[in-house]
Amino acid sequence: MAQTAAAPEGVGGMLMQFGPIVLIFVVFWFFLIRPQQKRQKEHIKMCEALKKGDEIMTIGGIAGRIADMTEQHIVIEISRVDDKPVTITMQRGAVQTVLPRGTIKSI
């Protein structure tokens, strides 16, 4: 008799067991996963829109102007020494943000 009294209540009992788990997943989706996906899409869009002459800031904190580009890499002019450009090559994904024109005046 004790076994029949402790039996789950059917669908209502299952919902009460899995309800909190589903609720936690929904909260994670709206507060963590969805905003991260949105930021990632915006970053990809920004990397695709890069063009020669844009002033950028890399993830590592290097500011410079795009001197040349390929499909996967960019050449960034970071300084000038004796009127010769100092450049580095990085992947497009390493660009954190595009700066407004005129931000970098020393190059």
PDB file of N, CA and C in Angstrom:
ATOM      1  N   MET A   1       0.800  -1.193   0.000  1.00  0.00           N
ATOM      2  CA  MET A   1       0.000   0.000   0.000  1.00  0.00           C
ATOM      3  C   MET A   1       0.847   1.263   0.000  1.00  0.00           C
ATOM      4  N   ALA A   2       1.986   1.216   0.627  1.00  0.00           N
ATOM      5  CA  ALA A   2       2.843   2.395   0.693  1.00  0.00           C
ATOM      6  C   ALA A   2       3.385   2.749  -0.693  1.00  0.00           C
ATOM      7  N   GLN A   3       3.565   1.757  -1.538  1.00  0.00           N
ATOM      8  CA  GLN A   3       4.095   2.029  -2.864  1.00  0.00           C
ATOM      9  C   GLN A   3       3.073   2.760  -3.722  1.00  0.00           C
ATOM     10  N   THR A   4       1.839   2.421  -3.603  1.00  0.00           N
ATOM     11  CA  THR A   4       0.827   3.106  -4.401  1.00  0.00           C
ATOM     12  C   THR A   4       0.614   4.549  -3.934  1.00  0.00           C
ATOM     13  N   ALA A   5       0.825   4.815  -2.673  1.00  0.00           N
ATOM     14  CA  ALA A   5       0.651   6.172  -2.156  1.00  0.00           C
ATOM     15  C   ALA A   5       1.804   7.077  -2.590  1.00  0.00           C
ATOM     16  N   ALA A   6       3.008   6.534  -2.817  1.00  0.00           N
ATOM     17  CA  ALA A   6       4.166   7.335  -3.169  1.00  0.00           C
ATOM     18  C   ALA A   6       4.365   7.433  -4.684  1.00  0.00           C
ATOM     19  N   ALA A   7       3.482   6.845  -5.450  1.00  0.00           N
ATOM     20  CA  ALA A   7       3.612   6.864  -6.905  1.00  0.00           C
ATOM     21  C   ALA A   7       3.441   8.287  -7.417  1.00  0.00           C
ATOM     22  N   PRO A   8       4.147   8.656  -8.492  1.00  0.00           N
ATOM     23  CA  PRO A   8       4.009  10.004  -9.045  1.00  0.00           C
ATOM     24  C   PRO A   8       2.587  10.260  -9.527  1.00  0.00           C
ATOM     25  N   GLU A   9       2.240  11.492  -9.616  1.00  0.00           N
ATOM     26  CA  GLU A   9       0.876  11.892  -9.934  1.00  0.00           C
ATOM     27  C   GLU A   9       0.633  12.012 -11.429  1.00  0.00           C
ATOM     28  N   GLY A  10       1.448  11.410 -12.242  1.00  0.00           N
ATOM     29  CA  GLY A  10       1.255  11.449 -13.688  1.00  0.00           C
ATOM     30  C   GLY A  10       1.954  12.641 -14.305  1.00  0.00           C
ATOM     31  N   VAL A  11       1.296  13.281 -15.243  1.00  0.00           N
ATOM     32  CA  VAL A  11       1.881  14.396 -15.985  1.00  0.00           C
ATOM     33  C   VAL A  11       2.163  15.576 -15.062  1.00  0.00           C
ATOM     34  N   GLY A  12       1.311  15.837 -14.121  1.00  0.00           N
ATOM     35  CA  GLY A  12       1.504  16.948 -13.185  1.00  0.00           C
ATOM     36  C   GLY A  12       2.755  16.759 -12.348  1.00  0.00           C
ATOM     37  N   GLY A  13       3.025  15.535 -11.928  1.00  0.00           N
ATOM     38  CA  GLY A  13       4.227  15.245 -11.155  1.00  0.00           C
ATOM     39  C   GLY A  13       5.488  15.405 -11.977  1.00  0.00           C
ATOM     40  N   MET A  14       5.427  14.984 -13.237  1.00  0.00           N
ATOM     41  CA  MET A  14       6.587  15.124 -14.123  1.00  0.00           C
ATOM     42  C   MET A  14       6.882  16.604 -14.374  1.00  0.00           C
ATOM     43  N   LEU A  15       5.825  17.395 -14.556  1.00  0.00           N
ATOM     44  CA  LEU A  15       6.004  18.815 -14.794  1.00  0.00           C
ATOM     45  C   LEU A  15       6.640  19.498 -13.582  1.00  0.00           C
ATOM     46  N   MET A  16       6.254  19.093 -12.408  1.00  0.00           N
ATOM     47  CA  MET A  16       6.815  19.671 -11.193  1.00  0.00           C
ATOM     48  C   MET A  16       8.277  19.280 -11.021  1.00  0.00           C
ATOM     49  N   GLN A  17       8.672  18.119 -11.533  1.00  0.00           N
ATOM     50  CA  GLN A  17      10.063  17.697 -11.427  1.00  0.00           C
ATOM     51  C   GLN A  17      10.946  18.407 -12.447  1.00  0.00           C
ATOM     52  N   PHE A  18      10.489  18.527 -13.674  1.00  0.00           N
ATOM     53  CA  PHE A  18      11.308  19.093 -14.738  1.00  0.00           C
ATOM     54  C   PHE A  18      11.056  20.584 -14.969  1.00  0.00           C
ATOM     55  N   GLY A  19      10.060  21.130 -14.347  1.00  0.00           N
ATOM     56  CA  GLY A  19       9.738  22.545 -14.512  1.00  0.00           C
ATOM     57  C   GLY A  19      10.890  23.469 -14.142  1.00  0.00           C
ATOM     58  N   PRO A  20      11.494  23.292 -12.963  1.00  0.00           N
ATOM     59  CA  PRO A  20      12.614  24.171 -12.605  1.00  0.00           C
ATOM     60  C   PRO A  20      13.811  24.053 -13.572  1.00  0.00           C
ATOM     61  N   ILE A  21      14.076  22.859 -14.069  1.00  0.00           N
ATOM     62  CA  ILE A  21      15.180  22.669 -15.011  1.00  0.00           C
ATOM     63  C   ILE A  21      14.889  23.424 -16.303  1.00  0.00           C
ATOM     64  N   VAL A  22      13.667  23.323 -16.803  1.00  0.00           N
ATOM     65  CA  VAL A  22      13.274  24.034 -18.017  1.00  0.00           C
ATOM     66  C   VAL A  22      13.336  25.546 -17.780  1.00  0.00           C
ATOM     67  N   LEU A  23      12.899  25.988 -16.637  1.00  0.00           N
ATOM     68  CA  LEU A  23      12.934  27.414 -16.305  1.00  0.00           C
ATOM     69  C   LEU A  23      14.370  27.930 -16.268  1.00  0.00           C
ATOM     70  N   ILE A  24      15.288  27.185 -15.692  1.00  0.00           N
ATOM     71  CA  ILE A  24      16.692  27.579 -15.651  1.00  0.00           C
ATOM     72  C   ILE A  24      17.257  27.668 -17.065  1.00  0.00           C
ATOM     73  N   PHE A  25      16.930  26.713 -17.932  1.00  0.00           N
ATOM     74  CA  PHE A  25      17.399  26.744 -19.312  1.00  0.00           C
ATOM     75  C   PHE A  25      16.882  27.983 -20.042  1.00  0.00           C
ATOM     76  N   VAL A  26      15.616  28.324 -19.845  1.00  0.00           N
ATOM     77  CA  VAL A  26      15.037  29.504 -20.494  1.00  0.00           C
ATOM     78  C   VAL A  26      15.735  30.776 -20.010  1.00  0.00           C
ATOM     79  N   VAL A  27      16.005  30.866 -18.722  1.00  0.00           N
ATOM     80  CA  VAL A  27      16.688  32.039 -18.174  1.00  0.00           C
ATOM     81  C   VAL A  27      18.091  32.148 -18.760  1.00  0.00           C
ATOM     82  N   PHE A  28      18.821  31.028 -18.812  1.00  0.00           N
ATOM     83  CA  PHE A  28      20.153  31.043 -19.419  1.00  0.00           C
ATOM     84  C   PHE A  28      20.090  31.468 -20.874  1.00  0.00           C
ATOM     85  N   TRP A  29      19.108  30.996 -21.594  1.00  0.00           N
ATOM     86  CA  TRP A  29      18.977  31.330 -23.013  1.00  0.00           C
ATOM     87  C   TRP A  29      18.817  32.837 -23.206  1.00  0.00           C
ATOM     88  N   PHE A  30      17.916  33.454 -22.455  1.00  0.00           N
ATOM     89  CA  PHE A  30      17.631  34.872 -22.651  1.00  0.00           C
ATOM     90  C   PHE A  30      18.693  35.795 -22.077  1.00  0.00           C
ATOM     91  N   PHE A  31      19.388  35.382 -21.026  1.00  0.00           N
ATOM     92  CA  PHE A  31      20.359  36.268 -20.407  1.00  0.00           C
ATOM     93  C   PHE A  31      21.805  35.992 -20.784  1.00  0.00           C
ATOM     94  N   LEU A  32      22.133  34.810 -21.296  1.00  0.00           N
ATOM     95  CA  LEU A  32      23.517  34.492 -21.631  1.00  0.00           C
ATOM     96  C   LEU A  32      23.721  34.120 -23.094  1.00  0.00           C
ATOM     97  N   ILE A  33      23.017  33.145 -23.573  1.00  0.00           N
ATOM     98  CA  ILE A  33      23.262  32.596 -24.903  1.00  0.00           C
ATOM     99  C   ILE A  33      22.823  33.567 -25.990  1.00  0.00           C
ATOM    100  N   ARG A  34      21.621  34.070 -25.909  1.00  0.00           N
ATOM    101  CA  ARG A  34      21.083  34.952 -26.948  1.00  0.00           C
ATOM    102  C   ARG A  34      21.892  36.242 -27.112  1.00  0.00           C
ATOM    103  N   PRO A  35      22.241  36.965 -26.034  1.00  0.00           N
ATOM    104  CA  PRO A  35      23.057  38.180 -26.213  1.00  0.00           C
ATOM    105  C   PRO A  35      24.448  37.881 -26.800  1.00  0.00           C
ATOM    106  N   GLN A  36      25.049  36.748 -26.416  1.00  0.00           N
ATOM    107  CA  GLN A  36      26.358  36.395 -26.954  1.00  0.00           C
ATOM    108  C   GLN A  36      26.270  36.123 -28.451  1.00  0.00           C
ATOM    109  N   GLN A  37      25.239  35.443 -28.892  1.00  0.00           N
ATOM    110  CA  GLN A  37      25.053  35.188 -30.319  1.00  0.00           C
ATOM    111  C   GLN A  37      24.858  36.493 -31.085  1.00  0.00           C
ATOM    112  N   LYS A  38      24.151  37.431 -30.493  1.00  0.00           N
ATOM    113  CA  LYS A  38      23.926  38.729 -31.130  1.00  0.00           C
ATOM    114  C   LYS A  38      25.241  39.493 -31.277  1.00  0.00           C
ATOM    115  N   ARG A  39      26.070  39.509 -30.216  1.00  0.00           N
ATOM    116  CA  ARG A  39      27.371  40.180 -30.283  1.00  0.00           C
ATOM    117  C   ARG A  39      28.277  39.520 -31.319  1.00  0.00           C
ATOM    118  N   GLN A  40      28.227  38.193 -31.402  1.00  0.00           N
ATOM    119  CA  GLN A  40      29.055  37.472 -32.361  1.00  0.00           C
ATOM    120  C   GLN A  40      28.653  37.811 -33.797  1.00  0.00           C
ATOM    121  N   LYS A  41      27.365  37.893 -34.072  1.00  0.00           N
ATOM    122  CA  LYS A  41      26.894  38.263 -35.412  1.00  0.00           C
ATOM    123  C   LYS A  41      27.323  39.678 -35.769  1.00  0.00           C
ATOM    124  N   GLU A  42      27.249  40.615 -34.812  1.00  0.00           N
ATOM    125  CA  GLU A  42      27.663  41.988 -35.056  1.00  0.00           C
ATOM    126  C   GLU A  42      29.167  42.058 -35.338  1.00  0.00           C
ATOM    127  N   HIS A  43      29.973  41.263 -34.620  1.00  0.00           N
ATOM    128  CA  HIS A  43      31.415  41.252 -34.827  1.00  0.00           C
ATOM    129  C   HIS A  43      31.762  40.707 -36.212  1.00  0.00           C
ATOM    130  N   ILE A  44      31.103  39.654 -36.619  1.00  0.00           N
ATOM    131  CA  ILE A  44      31.331  39.082 -37.954  1.00  0.00           C
ATOM    132  C   ILE A  44      30.966  40.103 -39.030  1.00  0.00           C
ATOM    133  N   LYS A  45      29.856  40.783 -38.854  1.00  0.00           N
ATOM    134  CA  LYS A  45      29.416  41.801 -39.806  1.00  0.00           C
ATOM    135  C   LYS A  45      30.433  42.944 -39.891  1.00  0.00           C
ATOM    136  N   MET A  46      30.967  43.372 -38.736  1.00  0.00           N
ATOM    137  CA  MET A  46      31.958  44.434 -38.695  1.00  0.00           C
ATOM    138  C   MET A  46      33.250  43.993 -39.393  1.00  0.00           C
ATOM    139  N   CYS A  47      33.685  42.754 -39.177  1.00  0.00           N
ATOM    140  CA  CYS A  47      34.912  42.244 -39.808  1.00  0.00           C
ATOM    141  C   CYS A  47      34.758  42.145 -41.323  1.00  0.00           C
ATOM    142  N   GLU A  48      33.580  41.814 -41.789  1.00  0.00           N
ATOM    143  CA  GLU A  48      33.344  41.736 -43.231  1.00  0.00           C
ATOM    144  C   GLU A  48      33.321  43.118 -43.874  1.00  0.00           C
ATOM    145  N   ALA A  49      32.959  44.145 -43.113  1.00  0.00           N
ATOM    146  CA  ALA A  49      32.833  45.497 -43.650  1.00  0.00           C
ATOM    147  C   ALA A  49      34.141  46.294 -43.590  1.00  0.00           C
ATOM    148  N   LEU A  50      35.220  45.710 -43.066  1.00  0.00           N
ATOM    149  CA  LEU A  50      36.489  46.421 -42.990  1.00  0.00           C
ATOM    150  C   LEU A  50      36.987  46.768 -44.387  1.00  0.00           C
ATOM    151  N   LYS A  51      37.625  47.924 -44.487  1.00  0.00           N
ATOM    152  CA  LYS A  51      38.191  48.325 -45.773  1.00  0.00           C
ATOM    153  C   LYS A  51      39.515  49.044 -45.533  1.00  0.00           C
ATOM    154  N   LYS A  52      40.293  49.156 -46.584  1.00  0.00           N
ATOM    155  CA  LYS A  52      41.597  49.797 -46.514  1.00  0.00           C
ATOM    156  C   LYS A  52      41.429  51.247 -46.077  1.00  0.00           C
ATOM    157  N   GLY A  53      42.248  51.669 -45.115  1.00  0.00           N
ATOM    158  CA  GLY A  53      42.186  53.037 -44.608  1.00  0.00           C
ATOM    159  C   GLY A  53      41.414  53.183 -43.311  1.00  0.00           C
ATOM    160  N   ASP A  54      40.672  52.163 -42.911  1.00  0.00           N
ATOM    161  CA  ASP A  54      39.938  52.226 -41.643  1.00  0.00           C
ATOM    162  C   ASP A  54      40.908  52.259 -40.478  1.00  0.00           C
ATOM    163  N   GLU A  55      40.578  53.039 -39.470  1.00  0.00           N
ATOM    164  CA  GLU A  55      41.359  53.067 -38.239  1.00  0.00           C
ATOM    165  C   GLU A  55      40.696  52.107 -37.267  1.00  0.00           C
ATOM    166  N   ILE A  56      41.511  51.205 -36.702  1.00  0.00           N
ATOM    167  CA  ILE A  56      40.959  50.123 -35.890  1.00  0.00           C
ATOM    168  C   ILE A  56      41.701  49.978 -34.570  1.00  0.00           C
ATOM    169  N   MET A  57      41.069  49.244 -33.657  1.00  0.00           N
ATOM    170  CA  MET A  57      41.681  48.835 -32.395  1.00  0.00           C
ATOM    171  C   MET A  57      41.576  47.317 -32.354  1.00  0.00           C
ATOM    172  N   THR A  58      42.692  46.647 -32.084  1.00  0.00           N
ATOM    173  CA  THR A  58      42.675  45.182 -32.035  1.00  0.00           C
ATOM    174  C   THR A  58      42.297  44.707 -30.640  1.00  0.00           C
ATOM    175  N   ILE A  59      42.043  43.427 -30.522  1.00  0.00           N
ATOM    176  CA  ILE A  59      41.710  42.837 -29.232  1.00  0.00           C
ATOM    177  C   ILE A  59      42.864  43.002 -28.252  1.00  0.00           C
ATOM    178  N   GLY A  60      44.096  42.993 -28.772  1.00  0.00           N
ATOM    179  CA  GLY A  60      45.281  43.165 -27.937  1.00  0.00           C
ATOM    180  C   GLY A  60      45.566  44.603 -27.554  1.00  0.00           C
ATOM    181  N   GLY A  61      44.790  45.558 -28.051  1.00  0.00           N
ATOM    182  CA  GLY A  61      44.953  46.954 -27.688  1.00  0.00           C
ATOM    183  C   GLY A  61      45.818  47.753 -28.641  1.00  0.00           C
ATOM    184  N   ILE A  62      46.166  47.192 -29.786  1.00  0.00           N
ATOM    185  CA  ILE A  62      46.988  47.895 -30.766  1.00  0.00           C
ATOM    186  C   ILE A  62      46.075  48.724 -31.666  1.00  0.00           C
ATOM    187  N   ALA A  63      46.388  50.013 -31.768  1.00  0.00           N
ATOM    188  CA  ALA A  63      45.623  50.904 -32.636  1.00  0.00           C
ATOM    189  C   ALA A  63      46.427  51.142 -33.903  1.00  0.00           C
ATOM    190  N   GLY A  64      45.747  51.181 -35.029  1.00  0.00           N
ATOM    191  CA  GLY A  64      46.441  51.415 -36.286  1.00  0.00           C
ATOM    192  C   GLY A  64      45.468  51.608 -37.424  1.00  0.00           C
ATOM    193  N   ARG A  65      46.034  51.754 -38.616  1.00  0.00           N
ATOM    194  CA  ARG A  65      45.241  51.967 -39.826  1.00  0.00           C
ATOM    195  C   ARG A  65      45.469  50.788 -40.755  1.00  0.00           C
ATOM    196  N   ILE A  66      44.423  50.309 -41.391  1.00  0.00           N
ATOM    197  CA  ILE A  66      44.542  49.177 -42.310  1.00  0.00           C
ATOM    198  C   ILE A  66      45.272  49.650 -43.563  1.00  0.00           C
ATOM    199  N   ALA A  67      46.415  48.990 -43.850  1.00  0.00           N
ATOM    200  CA  ALA A  67      47.221  49.343 -45.012  1.00  0.00           C
ATOM    201  C   ALA A  67      46.947  48.413 -46.189  1.00  0.00           C
ATOM    202  N   ASP A  68      46.638  47.151 -45.896  1.00  0.00           N
ATOM    203  CA  ASP A  68      46.385  46.176 -46.952  1.00  0.00           C
ATOM    204  C   ASP A  68      45.507  45.076 -46.369  1.00  0.00           C
ATOM    205  N   MET A  69      44.822  44.359 -47.249  1.00  0.00           N
ATOM    206  CA  MET A  69      43.901  43.318 -46.785  1.00  0.00           C
ATOM    207  C   MET A  69      43.932  42.116 -47.712  1.00  0.00           C
ATOM    208  N   THR A  70      43.696  40.948 -47.120  1.00  0.00           N
ATOM    209  CA  THR A  70      43.370  39.750 -47.878  1.00  0.00           C
ATOM    210  C   THR A  70      42.049  39.257 -47.307  1.00  0.00           C
ATOM    211  N   GLU A  71      41.624  38.084 -47.753  1.00  0.00           N
ATOM    212  CA  GLU A  71      40.344  37.580 -47.271  1.00  0.00           C
ATOM    213  C   GLU A  71      40.384  37.217 -45.787  1.00  0.00           C
ATOM    214  N   GLN A  72      41.515  36.702 -45.306  1.00  0.00           N
ATOM    215  CA  GLN A  72      41.619  36.252 -43.914  1.00  0.00           C
ATOM    216  C   GLN A  72      42.471  37.168 -43.036  1.00  0.00           C
ATOM    217  N   HIS A  73      43.365  37.966 -43.626  1.00  0.00           N
ATOM    218  CA  HIS A  73      44.318  38.763 -42.854  1.00  0.00           C
ATOM    219  C   HIS A  73      44.255  40.234 -43.240  1.00  0.00           C
ATOM    220  N   ILE A  74      44.740  41.060 -42.314  1.00  0.00           N
ATOM    221  CA  ILE A  74      44.873  42.492 -42.585  1.00  0.00           C
ATOM    222  C   ILE A  74      46.288  42.923 -42.199  1.00  0.00           C
ATOM    223  N   VAL A  75      46.799  43.901 -42.905  1.00  0.00           N
ATOM    224  CA  VAL A  75      48.096  44.496 -42.578  1.00  0.00           C
ATOM    225  C   VAL A  75      47.784  45.846 -41.944  1.00  0.00           C
ATOM    226  N   ILE A  76      48.265  46.037 -40.715  1.00  0.00           N
ATOM    227  CA  ILE A  76      47.956  47.240 -39.951  1.00  0.00           C
ATOM    228  C   ILE A  76      49.210  48.098 -39.839  1.00  0.00           C
ATOM    229  N   GLU A  77      49.087  49.356 -40.240  1.00  0.00           N
ATOM    230  CA  GLU A  77      50.171  50.320 -40.063  1.00  0.00           C
ATOM    231  C   GLU A  77      50.023  50.901 -38.669  1.00  0.00           C
ATOM    232  N   ILE A  78      51.021  50.643 -37.815  1.00  0.00           N
ATOM    233  CA  ILE A  78      50.903  51.074 -36.421  1.00  0.00           C
ATOM    234  C   ILE A  78      51.764  52.290 -36.106  1.00  0.00           C
ATOM    235  N   SER A  79      52.747  52.578 -36.979  1.00  0.00           N
ATOM    236  CA  SER A  79      53.621  53.714 -36.733  1.00  0.00           C
ATOM    237  C   SER A  79      54.406  54.027 -38.005  1.00  0.00           C
ATOM    238  N   ARG A  80      55.217  55.092 -37.927  1.00  0.00           N
ATOM    239  CA  ARG A  80      56.133  55.441 -39.025  1.00  0.00           C
ATOM    240  C   ARG A  80      57.488  55.774 -38.411  1.00  0.00           C
ATOM    241  N   VAL A  81      58.530  55.243 -39.027  1.00  0.00           N
ATOM    242  CA  VAL A  81      59.890  55.541 -38.615  1.00  0.00           C
ATOM    243  C   VAL A  81      60.631  56.020 -39.856  1.00  0.00           C
ATOM    244  N   ASP A  82      61.158  57.233 -39.817  1.00  0.00           N
ATOM    245  CA  ASP A  82      61.834  57.845 -40.971  1.00  0.00           C
ATOM    246  C   ASP A  82      60.955  57.790 -42.214  1.00  0.00           C
ATOM    247  N   ASP A  83      59.705  58.100 -42.057  1.00  0.00           N
ATOM    248  CA  ASP A  83      58.696  58.082 -43.122  1.00  0.00           C
ATOM    249  C   ASP A  83      58.509  56.710 -43.771  1.00  0.00           C
ATOM    250  N   LYS A  84      58.887  55.653 -43.071  1.00  0.00           N
ATOM    251  CA  LYS A  84      58.621  54.290 -43.533  1.00  0.00           C
ATOM    252  C   LYS A  84      57.604  53.671 -42.581  1.00  0.00           C
ATOM    253  N   PRO A  85      56.562  53.045 -43.110  1.00  0.00           N
ATOM    254  CA  PRO A  85      55.528  52.493 -42.231  1.00  0.00           C
ATOM    255  C   PRO A  85      56.009  51.248 -41.478  1.00  0.00           C
ATOM    256  N   VAL A  86      55.602  51.173 -40.225  1.00  0.00           N
ATOM    257  CA  VAL A  86      55.812  49.976 -39.420  1.00  0.00           C
ATOM    258  C   VAL A  86      54.485  49.225 -39.448  1.00  0.00           C
ATOM    259  N   THR A  87      54.498  48.006 -39.987  1.00  0.00           N
ATOM    260  CA  THR A  87      53.241  47.265 -40.150  1.00  0.00           C
ATOM    261  C   THR A  87      53.312  45.917 -39.451  1.00  0.00           C
ATOM    262  N   ILE A  88      52.154  45.418 -39.122  1.00  0.00           N
ATOM    263  CA  ILE A  88      52.000  44.066 -38.596  1.00  0.00           C
ATOM    264  C   ILE A  88      50.840  43.403 -39.336  1.00  0.00           C
ATOM    265  N   THR A  89      50.876  42.089 -39.406  1.00  0.00           N
ATOM    266  CA  THR A  89      49.817  41.333 -40.060  1.00  0.00           C
ATOM    267  C   THR A  89      49.039  40.566 -39.002  1.00  0.00           C
ATOM    268  N   MET A  90      47.723  40.669 -39.063  1.00  0.00           N
ATOM    269  CA  MET A  90      46.855  39.990 -38.103  1.00  0.00           C
ATOM    270  C   MET A  90      45.661  39.391 -38.828  1.00  0.00           C
ATOM    271  N   GLN A  91      44.974  38.493 -38.150  1.00  0.00           N
ATOM    272  CA  GLN A  91      43.735  37.951 -38.688  1.00  0.00           C
ATOM    273  C   GLN A  91      42.637  38.993 -38.547  1.00  0.00           C
ATOM    274  N   ARG A  92      41.673  38.930 -39.444  1.00  0.00           N
ATOM    275  CA  ARG A  92      40.557  39.887 -39.398  1.00  0.00           C
ATOM    276  C   ARG A  92      39.780  39.802 -38.083  1.00  0.00           C
ATOM    277  N   GLY A  93      39.664  38.620 -37.545  1.00  0.00           N
ATOM    278  CA  GLY A  93      38.903  38.429 -36.308  1.00  0.00           C
ATOM    279  C   GLY A  93      39.528  39.088 -35.098  1.00  0.00           C
ATOM    280  N   ALA A  94      40.794  39.520 -35.210  1.00  0.00           N
ATOM    281  CA  ALA A  94      41.479  40.163 -34.090  1.00  0.00           C
ATOM    282  C   ALA A  94      41.084  41.629 -33.944  1.00  0.00           C
ATOM    283  N   VAL A  95      40.286  42.139 -34.851  1.00  0.00           N
ATOM    284  CA  VAL A  95      39.838  43.532 -34.773  1.00  0.00           C
ATOM    285  C   VAL A  95      38.698  43.616 -33.760  1.00  0.00           C
ATOM    286  N   GLN A  96      38.876  44.493 -32.785  1.00  0.00           N
ATOM    287  CA  GLN A  96      37.843  44.659 -31.769  1.00  0.00           C
ATOM    288  C   GLN A  96      36.826  45.699 -32.180  1.00  0.00           C
ATOM    289  N   THR A  97      37.313  46.833 -32.687  1.00  0.00           N
ATOM    290  CA  THR A  97      36.407  47.913 -33.043  1.00  0.00           C
ATOM    291  C   THR A  97      37.006  48.781 -34.153  1.00  0.00           C
ATOM    292  N   VAL A  98      36.145  49.427 -34.893  1.00  0.00           N
ATOM    293  CA  VAL A  98      36.566  50.404 -35.897  1.00  0.00           C
ATOM    294  C   VAL A  98      36.441  51.776 -35.252  1.00  0.00           C
ATOM    295  N   LEU A  99      37.545  52.514 -35.274  1.00  0.00           N
ATOM    296  CA  LEU A  99      37.574  53.833 -34.650  1.00  0.00           C
ATOM    297  C   LEU A  99      37.101  54.896 -35.634  1.00  0.00           C
ATOM    298  N   PRO A 100      36.602  56.022 -35.146  1.00  0.00           N
ATOM    299  CA  PRO A 100      36.216  57.119 -36.035  1.00  0.00           C
ATOM    300  C   PRO A 100      37.441  57.678 -36.764  1.00  0.00           C
ATOM    301  N   ARG A 101      37.242  58.149 -37.982  1.00  0.00           N
ATOM    302  CA  ARG A 101      38.348  58.712 -38.760  1.00  0.00           C
ATOM    303  C   ARG A 101      38.996  59.871 -38.002  1.00  0.00           C
ATOM    304  N   GLY A 102      40.321  59.944 -38.070  1.00  0.00           N
ATOM    305  CA  GLY A 102      41.041  61.015 -37.412  1.00  0.00           C
ATOM    306  C   GLY A 102      41.411  60.712 -35.981  1.00  0.00           C
ATOM    307  N   THR A 103      41.052  59.561 -35.463  1.00  0.00           N
ATOM    308  CA  THR A 103      41.371  59.205 -34.095  1.00  0.00           C
ATOM    309  C   THR A 103      42.875  59.025 -33.930  1.00  0.00           C
ATOM    310  N   ILE A 104      43.485  58.398 -34.904  1.00  0.00           N
ATOM    311  CA  ILE A 104      44.926  58.148 -34.850  1.00  0.00           C
ATOM    312  C   ILE A 104      45.600  59.193 -35.753  1.00  0.00           C
ATOM    313  N   LYS A 105      46.163  60.198 -35.137  1.00  0.00           N
ATOM    314  CA  LYS A 105      46.776  61.290 -35.916  1.00  0.00           C
ATOM    315  C   LYS A 105      48.275  61.134 -36.041  1.00  0.00           C
ATOM    316  N   SER A 106      48.881  60.266 -35.253  1.00  0.00           N
ATOM    317  CA  SER A 106      50.345  60.153 -35.261  1.00  0.00           C
ATOM    318  C   SER A 106      50.858  59.270 -36.377  1.00  0.00           C
ATOM    319  N   ILE A 107      49.974  58.568 -37.091  1.00  0.00           N
ATOM    320  CA  ILE A 107      50.426  57.679 -38.170  1.00  0.00           C
ATOM    321  C   ILE A 107      50.474  58.457 -39.469  1.00  0.00           C
TER     322      ILE A 107
END
